[in-house]
Amino acid sequence: MPTWTVERLAAVEAIRDLAHRYTHLVDEGRLEEVGELFSRAVYGQCDGSGTPVGSVHDSDPAGVLEACRNFIRMHGTPPRPRTKHVVTNLRVDVADDHRTATSLSYFTVLQQTEHLPLQPILSGRYFDAFTLIDDEWTFTQRLTCIDLVGDLSEHAARAL
């Protein structure tokens, strides 16, 4: 069990905030900023154990932006996906040097559109890694494992 110092607690809080920033950006349709959020990260899907599968973008904000645009359907003006991402069970493990960390969390995506009543449409896990650069935590990995799938007809522009 790690010793809980003020430095470790500050790192955990900053990482929690960073992990949640993604959900706000996606829900607000700010996909360019999502791409930038992962500019130093491996970004893609993974299997149930956290091993990358399929197309993975490595430190490629344009690739992350393209992947988001090719998957997420937007609705209305301004264009938004009409989703709410809920992140729970976020566990953060900060390395002893307080300069790197990993986390595992659950996510559930809720959606409501003109044609879809409010409902969960996706649920899974995020396998994340972080590093401290110039006193700011940044993603070095975001792998998404999708465990449960609901009605994606109003969310997905293509198949998973």
C-alpha atoms as a PDB file:
ATOM      1  CA  MET A   1       0.000   0.000   0.000  1.00  0.00           C
ATOM      2  CA  PRO A   2       1.491   3.380  -1.022  1.00  0.00           C
ATOM      3  CA  THR A   3       2.121   6.110   1.495  1.00  0.00           C
ATOM      4  CA  TRP A   4      -0.426   8.894   1.047  1.00  0.00           C
ATOM      5  CA  THR A   5       1.559  12.108   0.986  1.00  0.00           C
ATOM      6  CA  VAL A   6       0.249  15.540   0.044  1.00  0.00           C
ATOM      7  CA  GLU A   7       2.165  15.206  -3.244  1.00  0.00           C
ATOM      8  CA  ARG A   8       0.471  11.875  -4.030  1.00  0.00           C
ATOM      9  CA  LEU A   9      -2.983  13.219  -3.122  1.00  0.00           C
ATOM     10  CA  ALA A  10      -2.429  16.286  -5.324  1.00  0.00           C
ATOM     11  CA  ALA A  11      -1.401  14.008  -8.210  1.00  0.00           C
ATOM     12  CA  VAL A  12      -4.499  11.827  -7.798  1.00  0.00           C
ATOM     13  CA  GLU A  13      -6.789  14.869  -7.779  1.00  0.00           C
ATOM     14  CA  ALA A  14      -5.137  16.378 -10.883  1.00  0.00           C
ATOM     15  CA  ILE A  15      -5.382  13.041 -12.699  1.00  0.00           C
ATOM     16  CA  ARG A  16      -9.058  12.644 -11.776  1.00  0.00           C
ATOM     17  CA  ASP A  17      -9.719  16.103 -13.187  1.00  0.00           C
ATOM     18  CA  LEU A  18      -7.853  15.276 -16.404  1.00  0.00           C
ATOM     19  CA  ALA A  19      -9.700  11.972 -16.783  1.00  0.00           C
ATOM     20  CA  HIS A  20     -13.030  13.786 -16.453  1.00  0.00           C
ATOM     21  CA  ARG A  21     -12.038  16.587 -18.851  1.00  0.00           C
ATOM     22  CA  TYR A  22     -12.402  14.138 -21.768  1.00  0.00           C
ATOM     23  CA  THR A  23     -16.048  13.443 -20.946  1.00  0.00           C
ATOM     24  CA  HIS A  24     -16.933  17.132 -20.830  1.00  0.00           C
ATOM     25  CA  LEU A  25     -15.199  17.829 -24.144  1.00  0.00           C
ATOM     26  CA  VAL A  26     -16.930  14.956 -25.944  1.00  0.00           C
ATOM     27  CA  ASP A  27     -20.352  15.781 -24.510  1.00  0.00           C
ATOM     28  CA  GLU A  28     -19.915  19.415 -25.601  1.00  0.00           C
ATOM     29  CA  GLY A  29     -18.855  18.352 -29.127  1.00  0.00           C
ATOM     30  CA  ARG A  30     -15.392  19.903 -28.749  1.00  0.00           C
ATOM     31  CA  LEU A  31     -13.655  17.152 -30.704  1.00  0.00           C
ATOM     32  CA  GLU A  32     -10.616  19.225 -31.732  1.00  0.00           C
ATOM     33  CA  GLU A  33      -9.810  19.654 -28.049  1.00  0.00           C
ATOM     34  CA  VAL A  34     -10.283  15.906 -27.528  1.00  0.00           C
ATOM     35  CA  GLY A  35      -7.607  15.342 -30.184  1.00  0.00           C
ATOM     36  CA  GLU A  36      -5.253  17.747 -28.418  1.00  0.00           C
ATOM     37  CA  LEU A  37      -5.927  16.102 -25.047  1.00  0.00           C
ATOM     38  CA  PHE A  38      -4.350  12.924 -26.443  1.00  0.00           C
ATOM     39  CA  SER A  39      -1.511  14.597 -28.386  1.00  0.00           C
ATOM     40  CA  ARG A  40       1.093  12.662 -26.358  1.00  0.00           C
ATOM     41  CA  ALA A  41      -0.898   9.483 -25.926  1.00  0.00           C
ATOM     42  CA  VAL A  42      -1.708   6.120 -27.371  1.00  0.00           C
ATOM     43  CA  TYR A  43      -5.459   6.293 -28.061  1.00  0.00           C
ATOM     44  CA  GLY A  44      -7.722   3.481 -29.213  1.00  0.00           C
ATOM     45  CA  GLN A  45      -9.746   0.442 -28.272  1.00  0.00           C
ATOM     46  CA  CYS A  46      -8.638  -2.557 -26.247  1.00  0.00           C
ATOM     47  CA  ASP A  47      -9.800  -5.987 -25.269  1.00  0.00           C
ATOM     48  CA  GLY A  48     -11.037  -6.932 -21.800  1.00  0.00           C
ATOM     49  CA  SER A  49      -7.525  -7.102 -20.380  1.00  0.00           C
ATOM     50  CA  GLY A  50      -6.426  -3.690 -21.661  1.00  0.00           C
ATOM     51  CA  THR A  51      -4.475  -4.931 -24.702  1.00  0.00           C
ATOM     52  CA  PRO A  52      -4.851  -2.626 -27.740  1.00  0.00           C
ATOM     53  CA  VAL A  53      -6.921  -3.943 -30.650  1.00  0.00           C
ATOM     54  CA  GLY A  54      -7.767  -2.478 -34.037  1.00  0.00           C
ATOM     55  CA  SER A  55      -6.656   1.007 -35.063  1.00  0.00           C
ATOM     56  CA  VAL A  56      -4.592   2.762 -32.394  1.00  0.00           C
ATOM     57  CA  HIS A  57      -3.408   6.375 -32.700  1.00  0.00           C
ATOM     58  CA  ASP A  58      -0.012   7.108 -31.131  1.00  0.00           C
ATOM     59  CA  SER A  59       0.603  10.796 -30.316  1.00  0.00           C
ATOM     60  CA  ASP A  60      -1.555  11.785 -33.286  1.00  0.00           C
ATOM     61  CA  PRO A  61      -4.144  14.475 -32.438  1.00  0.00           C
ATOM     62  CA  ALA A  62      -5.351  14.581 -36.067  1.00  0.00           C
ATOM     63  CA  GLY A  63      -5.903  10.819 -35.997  1.00  0.00           C
ATOM     64  CA  VAL A  64      -7.829  11.035 -32.725  1.00  0.00           C
ATOM     65  CA  LEU A  65      -9.965  13.867 -34.152  1.00  0.00           C
ATOM     66  CA  GLU A  66     -10.640  11.856 -37.319  1.00  0.00           C
ATOM     67  CA  ALA A  67     -11.551   8.758 -35.289  1.00  0.00           C
ATOM     68  CA  CYS A  68     -13.998  10.814 -33.193  1.00  0.00           C
ATOM     69  CA  ARG A  69     -15.532  12.522 -36.221  1.00  0.00           C
ATOM     70  CA  ASN A  70     -15.891   9.195 -38.051  1.00  0.00           C
ATOM     71  CA  PHE A  71     -17.663   7.574 -35.099  1.00  0.00           C
ATOM     72  CA  ILE A  72     -19.701  10.209 -33.225  1.00  0.00           C
ATOM     73  CA  ARG A  73     -22.907  11.523 -34.815  1.00  0.00           C
ATOM     74  CA  MET A  74     -23.665  15.136 -34.023  1.00  0.00           C
ATOM     75  CA  HIS A  75     -27.133  16.636 -33.533  1.00  0.00           C
ATOM     76  CA  GLY A  76     -28.493  20.201 -33.614  1.00  0.00           C
ATOM     77  CA  THR A  77     -26.863  23.605 -33.570  1.00  0.00           C
ATOM     78  CA  PRO A  78     -24.289  23.859 -32.221  1.00  0.00           C
ATOM     79  CA  PRO A  79     -23.511  20.264 -33.156  1.00  0.00           C
ATOM     80  CA  ARG A  80     -23.300  17.991 -30.122  1.00  0.00           C
ATOM     81  CA  PRO A  81     -23.631  14.240 -29.614  1.00  0.00           C
ATOM     82  CA  ARG A  82     -26.430  14.722 -27.018  1.00  0.00           C
ATOM     83  CA  THR A  83     -24.611  12.429 -24.615  1.00  0.00           C
ATOM     84  CA  LYS A  84     -23.533  12.463 -20.995  1.00  0.00           C
ATOM     85  CA  HIS A  85     -20.502  10.388 -20.075  1.00  0.00           C
ATOM     86  CA  VAL A  86     -20.500   9.179 -16.470  1.00  0.00           C
ATOM     87  CA  VAL A  87     -17.135   7.993 -15.135  1.00  0.00           C
ATOM     88  CA  THR A  88     -17.149   5.914 -11.952  1.00  0.00           C
ATOM     89  CA  ASN A  89     -14.945   3.581  -9.924  1.00  0.00           C
ATOM     90  CA  LEU A  90     -11.857   5.605 -10.913  1.00  0.00           C
ATOM     91  CA  ARG A  91      -8.786   4.024  -9.335  1.00  0.00           C
ATOM     92  CA  VAL A  92      -5.504   5.928  -9.671  1.00  0.00           C
ATOM     93  CA  ASP A  93      -2.077   4.406  -8.999  1.00  0.00           C
ATOM     94  CA  VAL A  94       0.684   7.019  -8.759  1.00  0.00           C
ATOM     95  CA  ALA A  95       4.262   5.762  -9.112  1.00  0.00           C
ATOM     96  CA  ASP A  96       6.640   6.266  -6.202  1.00  0.00           C
ATOM     97  CA  ASP A  97       8.455   9.053  -8.077  1.00  0.00           C
ATOM     98  CA  HIS A  98       5.126  10.943  -8.419  1.00  0.00           C
ATOM     99  CA  ARG A  99       5.847  11.548 -12.126  1.00  0.00           C
ATOM    100  CA  THR A 100       3.813   8.758 -13.767  1.00  0.00           C
ATOM    101  CA  ALA A 101       0.500   7.112 -12.997  1.00  0.00           C
ATOM    102  CA  THR A 102      -2.100   4.706 -14.314  1.00  0.00           C
ATOM    103  CA  SER A 103      -5.816   4.472 -13.782  1.00  0.00           C
ATOM    104  CA  LEU A 104      -8.716   2.168 -14.451  1.00  0.00           C
ATOM    105  CA  SER A 105     -12.279   3.456 -14.494  1.00  0.00           C
ATOM    106  CA  TYR A 106     -15.761   2.508 -15.603  1.00  0.00           C
ATOM    107  CA  PHE A 107     -17.801   4.640 -17.969  1.00  0.00           C
ATOM    108  CA  THR A 108     -21.436   4.729 -18.982  1.00  0.00           C
ATOM    109  CA  VAL A 109     -22.666   6.865 -21.862  1.00  0.00           C
ATOM    110  CA  LEU A 110     -26.243   8.146 -21.701  1.00  0.00           C
ATOM    111  CA  GLN A 111     -27.959   9.663 -24.738  1.00  0.00           C
ATOM    112  CA  GLN A 112     -31.228  11.326 -25.640  1.00  0.00           C
ATOM    113  CA  THR A 113     -32.192  12.721 -29.061  1.00  0.00           C
ATOM    114  CA  GLU A 114     -35.395  13.606 -30.883  1.00  0.00           C
ATOM    115  CA  HIS A 115     -35.657   9.962 -31.912  1.00  0.00           C
ATOM    116  CA  LEU A 116     -34.183   8.235 -28.848  1.00  0.00           C
ATOM    117  CA  PRO A 117     -35.455   8.468 -25.267  1.00  0.00           C
ATOM    118  CA  LEU A 118     -32.899   8.922 -22.515  1.00  0.00           C
ATOM    119  CA  GLN A 119     -31.026   5.642 -22.074  1.00  0.00           C
ATOM    120  CA  PRO A 120     -27.586   4.099 -21.567  1.00  0.00           C
ATOM    121  CA  ILE A 121     -25.986   3.306 -24.921  1.00  0.00           C
ATOM    122  CA  LEU A 122     -22.462   2.194 -23.966  1.00  0.00           C
ATOM    123  CA  SER A 123     -20.628   0.958 -20.908  1.00  0.00           C
ATOM    124  CA  GLY A 124     -17.064  -0.144 -20.421  1.00  0.00           C
ATOM    125  CA  ARG A 125     -13.660   0.650 -18.981  1.00  0.00           C
ATOM    126  CA  TYR A 126     -10.872   3.147 -19.599  1.00  0.00           C
ATOM    127  CA  PHE A 127      -7.284   1.958 -19.201  1.00  0.00           C
ATOM    128  CA  ASP A 128      -5.315   5.205 -18.819  1.00  0.00           C
ATOM    129  CA  ALA A 129      -1.693   6.197 -18.250  1.00  0.00           C
ATOM    130  CA  PHE A 130      -0.323   9.632 -17.403  1.00  0.00           C
ATOM    131  CA  THR A 131       2.931  11.495 -17.007  1.00  0.00           C
ATOM    132  CA  LEU A 132       3.864  14.774 -15.378  1.00  0.00           C
ATOM    133  CA  ILE A 133       5.379  17.226 -17.888  1.00  0.00           C
ATOM    134  CA  ASP A 134       6.316  20.760 -16.794  1.00  0.00           C
ATOM    135  CA  ASP A 135       4.215  20.370 -13.624  1.00  0.00           C
ATOM    136  CA  GLU A 136       1.117  19.367 -15.626  1.00  0.00           C
ATOM    137  CA  TRP A 137      -0.360  15.878 -15.876  1.00  0.00           C
ATOM    138  CA  THR A 138      -1.009  14.634 -19.394  1.00  0.00           C
ATOM    139  CA  PHE A 139      -2.377  11.452 -20.928  1.00  0.00           C
ATOM    140  CA  THR A 140       0.115   8.948 -22.332  1.00  0.00           C
ATOM    141  CA  GLN A 141      -2.575   6.319 -22.935  1.00  0.00           C
ATOM    142  CA  ARG A 142      -6.355   6.060 -23.243  1.00  0.00           C
ATOM    143  CA  LEU A 143      -7.548   2.613 -24.233  1.00  0.00           C
ATOM    144  CA  THR A 144     -11.282   1.986 -24.228  1.00  0.00           C
ATOM    145  CA  CYS A 145     -12.776  -1.436 -23.586  1.00  0.00           C
ATOM    146  CA  ILE A 146     -16.449  -1.551 -24.495  1.00  0.00           C
ATOM    147  CA  ASP A 147     -18.216  -4.150 -22.339  1.00  0.00           C
ATOM    148  CA  LEU A 148     -21.922  -3.448 -22.939  1.00  0.00           C
ATOM    149  CA  VAL A 149     -23.639  -1.945 -25.992  1.00  0.00           C
ATOM    150  CA  GLY A 150     -27.144  -0.542 -26.261  1.00  0.00           C
ATOM    151  CA  ASP A 151     -28.909   1.343 -29.056  1.00  0.00           C
ATOM    152  CA  LEU A 152     -26.172   3.213 -30.958  1.00  0.00           C
ATOM    153  CA  SER A 153     -28.426   4.258 -33.835  1.00  0.00           C
ATOM    154  CA  GLU A 154     -28.277   7.945 -32.853  1.00  0.00           C
ATOM    155  CA  HIS A 155     -24.662   7.944 -31.685  1.00  0.00           C
ATOM    156  CA  ALA A 156     -22.489   5.880 -33.991  1.00  0.00           C
ATOM    157  CA  ALA A 157     -21.826   6.941 -37.562  1.00  0.00           C
ATOM    158  CA  ARG A 158     -20.218   3.549 -38.173  1.00  0.00           C
ATOM    159  CA  ALA A 159     -20.092   0.115 -36.566  1.00  0.00           C
ATOM    160  CA  LEU A 160     -17.820  -0.490 -33.592  1.00  0.00           C
END
